[in-house]
């Protein structure tokens, strides 16, 4: 069984640490790829609609400030986390 990984392991998504914490998501070896994919796909989708930048460091702040986007991403992150032991 894998323990929780520090968010810093996900260095490309370091700008989303606060949202991961707010979501209560525990990043593990088992769910890391799913969580990475959720963040990447979410940024791609909403940036294509002009709702945020496609640059993760900028998108994080923009998503955090928009409660609708923030809540939507948090819900997706919780689903990507998978079942807890």
N, C-alpha and C. Protein backbone atom coordinates (compact mmCIF):
# COMPACT_ATOMS: atom_id res chain seq x y z
N UNK A 1 0.85 -1.18 0.00
CA UNK A 1 0.00 0.00 0.00
C UNK A 1 0.89 1.24 0.00
N UNK A 2 0.50 2.22 -0.77
CA UNK A 2 1.26 3.46 -0.88
C UNK A 2 0.74 4.48 0.10
N UNK A 3 1.65 5.23 0.66
CA UNK A 3 1.26 6.31 1.54
C UNK A 3 1.02 7.57 0.72
N UNK A 4 0.61 8.60 1.39
CA UNK A 4 0.38 9.87 0.71
C UNK A 4 1.72 10.44 0.24
N UNK A 5 1.69 11.06 -0.90
CA UNK A 5 2.88 11.70 -1.43
C UNK A 5 2.81 13.19 -1.16
N UNK A 6 3.94 13.80 -0.91
CA UNK A 6 3.91 15.25 -0.77
C UNK A 6 3.50 15.87 -2.11
N UNK A 7 2.72 16.93 -2.07
CA UNK A 7 2.27 17.56 -3.31
C UNK A 7 3.45 18.00 -4.16
N UNK A 8 4.61 18.24 -3.54
CA UNK A 8 5.76 18.73 -4.30
C UNK A 8 6.22 17.72 -5.35
N UNK A 9 5.88 16.45 -5.17
CA UNK A 9 6.23 15.45 -6.17
C UNK A 9 5.54 15.78 -7.49
N UNK A 10 4.39 16.39 -7.40
CA UNK A 10 3.66 16.79 -8.59
C UNK A 10 4.11 18.20 -8.96
N UNK A 11 5.39 18.39 -9.22
CA UNK A 11 5.95 19.72 -9.40
C UNK A 11 5.28 20.51 -10.51
N UNK A 12 4.84 19.85 -11.56
CA UNK A 12 4.21 20.61 -12.64
C UNK A 12 2.87 21.18 -12.20
N UNK A 13 2.30 20.67 -11.12
CA UNK A 13 1.01 21.17 -10.64
C UNK A 13 1.15 21.83 -9.27
N UNK A 14 2.34 22.29 -8.94
CA UNK A 14 2.57 22.88 -7.62
C UNK A 14 1.66 24.06 -7.34
N UNK A 15 1.16 24.69 -8.40
CA UNK A 15 0.27 25.83 -8.23
C UNK A 15 -1.11 25.42 -7.73
N UNK A 16 -1.40 24.12 -7.72
CA UNK A 16 -2.71 23.64 -7.32
C UNK A 16 -2.71 23.01 -5.93
N UNK A 17 -1.62 23.14 -5.20
CA UNK A 17 -1.52 22.53 -3.86
C UNK A 17 -2.65 22.97 -2.94
N UNK A 18 -2.97 24.26 -2.95
CA UNK A 18 -4.02 24.78 -2.07
C UNK A 18 -5.36 24.14 -2.41
N UNK A 19 -5.66 24.00 -3.69
CA UNK A 19 -6.93 23.38 -4.08
C UNK A 19 -6.97 21.91 -3.71
N UNK A 20 -5.84 21.23 -3.86
CA UNK A 20 -5.77 19.82 -3.46
C UNK A 20 -6.02 19.70 -1.96
N UNK A 21 -5.42 20.60 -1.19
CA UNK A 21 -5.63 20.60 0.26
C UNK A 21 -7.08 20.92 0.60
N UNK A 22 -7.64 21.94 -0.05
CA UNK A 22 -9.04 22.31 0.20
C UNK A 22 -9.99 21.18 -0.16
N UNK A 23 -9.64 20.42 -1.18
CA UNK A 23 -10.47 19.30 -1.60
C UNK A 23 -10.32 18.10 -0.66
N UNK A 24 -9.27 18.15 0.17
CA UNK A 24 -9.00 17.02 1.05
C UNK A 24 -8.46 15.81 0.30
N UNK A 25 -7.87 16.08 -0.86
CA UNK A 25 -7.37 15.01 -1.71
C UNK A 25 -5.99 14.58 -1.25
N UNK A 26 -5.85 13.29 -1.10
CA UNK A 26 -4.58 12.71 -0.70
C UNK A 26 -3.96 12.10 -1.95
N UNK A 27 -2.84 12.68 -2.40
CA UNK A 27 -2.18 12.20 -3.61
C UNK A 27 -1.32 10.99 -3.26
N UNK A 28 -1.53 9.92 -4.00
CA UNK A 28 -0.77 8.69 -3.79
C UNK A 28 -0.19 8.23 -5.13
N UNK A 29 0.67 7.25 -5.07
CA UNK A 29 1.20 6.66 -6.31
C UNK A 29 0.06 6.12 -7.16
N UNK A 30 -0.97 5.61 -6.52
CA UNK A 30 -2.09 4.99 -7.24
C UNK A 30 -2.97 6.00 -7.97
N UNK A 31 -3.10 7.22 -7.46
CA UNK A 31 -4.01 8.17 -8.08
C UNK A 31 -3.32 9.38 -8.71
N UNK A 32 -2.03 9.44 -8.60
CA UNK A 32 -1.28 10.60 -9.10
C UNK A 32 -1.53 10.88 -10.57
N UNK A 33 -1.49 9.86 -11.40
CA UNK A 33 -1.70 10.07 -12.84
C UNK A 33 -3.12 10.55 -13.13
N UNK A 34 -4.10 10.02 -12.40
CA UNK A 34 -5.49 10.46 -12.59
C UNK A 34 -5.64 11.94 -12.21
N UNK A 35 -5.04 12.32 -11.10
CA UNK A 35 -5.14 13.71 -10.64
C UNK A 35 -4.42 14.64 -11.62
N UNK A 36 -3.25 14.24 -12.08
CA UNK A 36 -2.55 15.03 -13.10
C UNK A 36 -3.43 15.23 -14.33
N UNK A 37 -4.06 14.14 -14.78
CA UNK A 37 -4.90 14.20 -15.98
C UNK A 37 -6.11 15.11 -15.77
N UNK A 38 -6.72 15.05 -14.59
CA UNK A 38 -7.88 15.90 -14.31
C UNK A 38 -7.49 17.37 -14.38
N UNK A 39 -6.39 17.74 -13.77
CA UNK A 39 -5.96 19.14 -13.78
C UNK A 39 -5.63 19.57 -15.21
N UNK A 40 -4.87 18.76 -15.90
CA UNK A 40 -4.47 19.08 -17.27
C UNK A 40 -5.68 19.23 -18.19
N UNK A 41 -6.60 18.27 -18.12
CA UNK A 41 -7.79 18.31 -18.97
C UNK A 41 -8.70 19.48 -18.60
N UNK A 42 -8.82 19.78 -17.32
CA UNK A 42 -9.67 20.88 -16.89
C UNK A 42 -9.13 22.22 -17.40
N UNK A 43 -7.84 22.43 -17.24
CA UNK A 43 -7.23 23.67 -17.74
C UNK A 43 -7.41 23.76 -19.25
N UNK A 44 -7.16 22.69 -19.95
CA UNK A 44 -7.31 22.68 -21.40
C UNK A 44 -8.73 23.04 -21.81
N UNK A 45 -9.69 22.43 -21.15
CA UNK A 45 -11.11 22.64 -21.49
C UNK A 45 -11.55 24.08 -21.22
N UNK A 46 -11.28 24.57 -20.03
CA UNK A 46 -11.80 25.91 -19.71
C UNK A 46 -10.98 27.01 -20.38
N UNK A 47 -9.70 26.77 -20.65
CA UNK A 47 -8.93 27.79 -21.36
C UNK A 47 -9.38 27.88 -22.81
N UNK A 48 -9.82 26.77 -23.39
CA UNK A 48 -10.33 26.78 -24.76
C UNK A 48 -11.59 27.63 -24.86
N UNK A 49 -12.30 27.78 -23.75
CA UNK A 49 -13.51 28.59 -23.71
C UNK A 49 -13.24 30.01 -23.19
N UNK A 50 -11.96 30.35 -23.05
CA UNK A 50 -11.58 31.70 -22.63
C UNK A 50 -11.80 32.02 -21.17
N UNK A 51 -11.95 30.97 -20.34
CA UNK A 51 -12.24 31.21 -18.93
C UNK A 51 -10.99 31.34 -18.07
N UNK A 52 -9.85 30.90 -18.61
CA UNK A 52 -8.59 31.02 -17.89
C UNK A 52 -7.44 30.84 -18.87
N UNK A 53 -6.25 31.09 -18.38
CA UNK A 53 -5.04 30.90 -19.18
C UNK A 53 -4.77 29.41 -19.34
N UNK A 54 -4.03 29.05 -20.38
CA UNK A 54 -3.62 27.65 -20.52
C UNK A 54 -2.27 27.39 -19.85
N UNK A 55 -1.74 28.40 -19.18
CA UNK A 55 -0.49 28.27 -18.43
C UNK A 55 -0.86 27.95 -16.98
N UNK A 56 -0.47 26.77 -16.48
CA UNK A 56 -0.90 26.33 -15.15
C UNK A 56 -0.66 27.34 -14.03
N UNK A 57 0.49 28.02 -14.03
CA UNK A 57 0.77 28.97 -12.95
C UNK A 57 -0.21 30.14 -12.95
N UNK A 58 -0.69 30.53 -14.12
CA UNK A 58 -1.68 31.60 -14.22
C UNK A 58 -3.09 31.06 -14.00
N UNK A 59 -3.36 29.90 -14.56
CA UNK A 59 -4.70 29.30 -14.45
C UNK A 59 -5.07 29.04 -12.99
N UNK A 60 -4.12 28.62 -12.20
CA UNK A 60 -4.40 28.32 -10.80
C UNK A 60 -5.02 29.51 -10.08
N UNK A 61 -4.41 30.67 -10.22
CA UNK A 61 -4.94 31.87 -9.58
C UNK A 61 -6.30 32.27 -10.11
N UNK A 62 -6.47 32.13 -11.42
CA UNK A 62 -7.74 32.48 -12.04
C UNK A 62 -8.85 31.54 -11.59
N UNK A 63 -8.56 30.26 -11.52
CA UNK A 63 -9.55 29.27 -11.07
C UNK A 63 -9.87 29.49 -9.60
N UNK A 64 -8.86 29.75 -8.80
CA UNK A 64 -9.06 29.97 -7.36
C UNK A 64 -9.99 31.14 -7.07
N UNK A 65 -9.93 32.16 -7.91
CA UNK A 65 -10.74 33.36 -7.70
C UNK A 65 -12.18 33.22 -8.19
N UNK A 66 -12.42 32.23 -9.03
CA UNK A 66 -13.77 32.01 -9.56
C UNK A 66 -14.38 30.82 -8.82
N UNK A 67 -15.33 31.10 -7.94
CA UNK A 67 -15.88 30.05 -7.08
C UNK A 67 -16.52 28.90 -7.87
N UNK A 68 -17.13 29.21 -8.99
CA UNK A 68 -17.76 28.15 -9.79
C UNK A 68 -16.70 27.23 -10.36
N UNK A 69 -15.65 27.80 -10.96
CA UNK A 69 -14.57 26.98 -11.53
C UNK A 69 -13.85 26.20 -10.43
N UNK A 70 -13.57 26.89 -9.32
CA UNK A 70 -12.86 26.25 -8.20
C UNK A 70 -13.65 25.05 -7.67
N UNK A 71 -14.94 25.25 -7.44
CA UNK A 71 -15.77 24.16 -6.92
C UNK A 71 -15.86 23.00 -7.91
N UNK A 72 -15.93 23.33 -9.19
CA UNK A 72 -16.00 22.29 -10.22
C UNK A 72 -14.71 21.47 -10.25
N UNK A 73 -13.56 22.14 -10.19
CA UNK A 73 -12.29 21.42 -10.19
C UNK A 73 -12.14 20.59 -8.92
N UNK A 74 -12.51 21.13 -7.78
CA UNK A 74 -12.41 20.39 -6.52
C UNK A 74 -13.25 19.12 -6.59
N UNK A 75 -14.45 19.21 -7.14
CA UNK A 75 -15.29 18.02 -7.29
C UNK A 75 -14.61 16.97 -8.18
N UNK A 76 -14.02 17.42 -9.26
CA UNK A 76 -13.32 16.49 -10.17
C UNK A 76 -12.11 15.86 -9.50
N UNK A 77 -11.38 16.65 -8.71
CA UNK A 77 -10.22 16.13 -8.00
C UNK A 77 -10.63 15.06 -6.99
N UNK A 78 -11.73 15.30 -6.29
CA UNK A 78 -12.22 14.32 -5.30
C UNK A 78 -12.59 13.00 -5.99
N UNK A 79 -13.21 13.09 -7.15
CA UNK A 79 -13.56 11.87 -7.89
C UNK A 79 -12.31 11.15 -8.38
N UNK A 80 -11.31 11.92 -8.81
CA UNK A 80 -10.07 11.32 -9.31
C UNK A 80 -9.26 10.65 -8.21
N UNK A 81 -9.45 11.14 -6.98
CA UNK A 81 -8.68 10.56 -5.86
C UNK A 81 -8.95 9.09 -5.70
N UNK A 82 -10.20 8.69 -5.94
CA UNK A 82 -10.55 7.28 -5.77
C UNK A 82 -10.90 6.97 -4.34
N UNK A 83 -11.21 5.72 -4.07
CA UNK A 83 -11.61 5.33 -2.71
C UNK A 83 -10.45 5.43 -1.73
N UNK A 84 -10.81 5.82 -0.53
CA UNK A 84 -9.81 5.89 0.53
C UNK A 84 -9.82 4.58 1.30
N UNK A 85 -8.65 4.22 1.80
CA UNK A 85 -8.58 2.96 2.58
C UNK A 85 -9.36 3.03 3.87
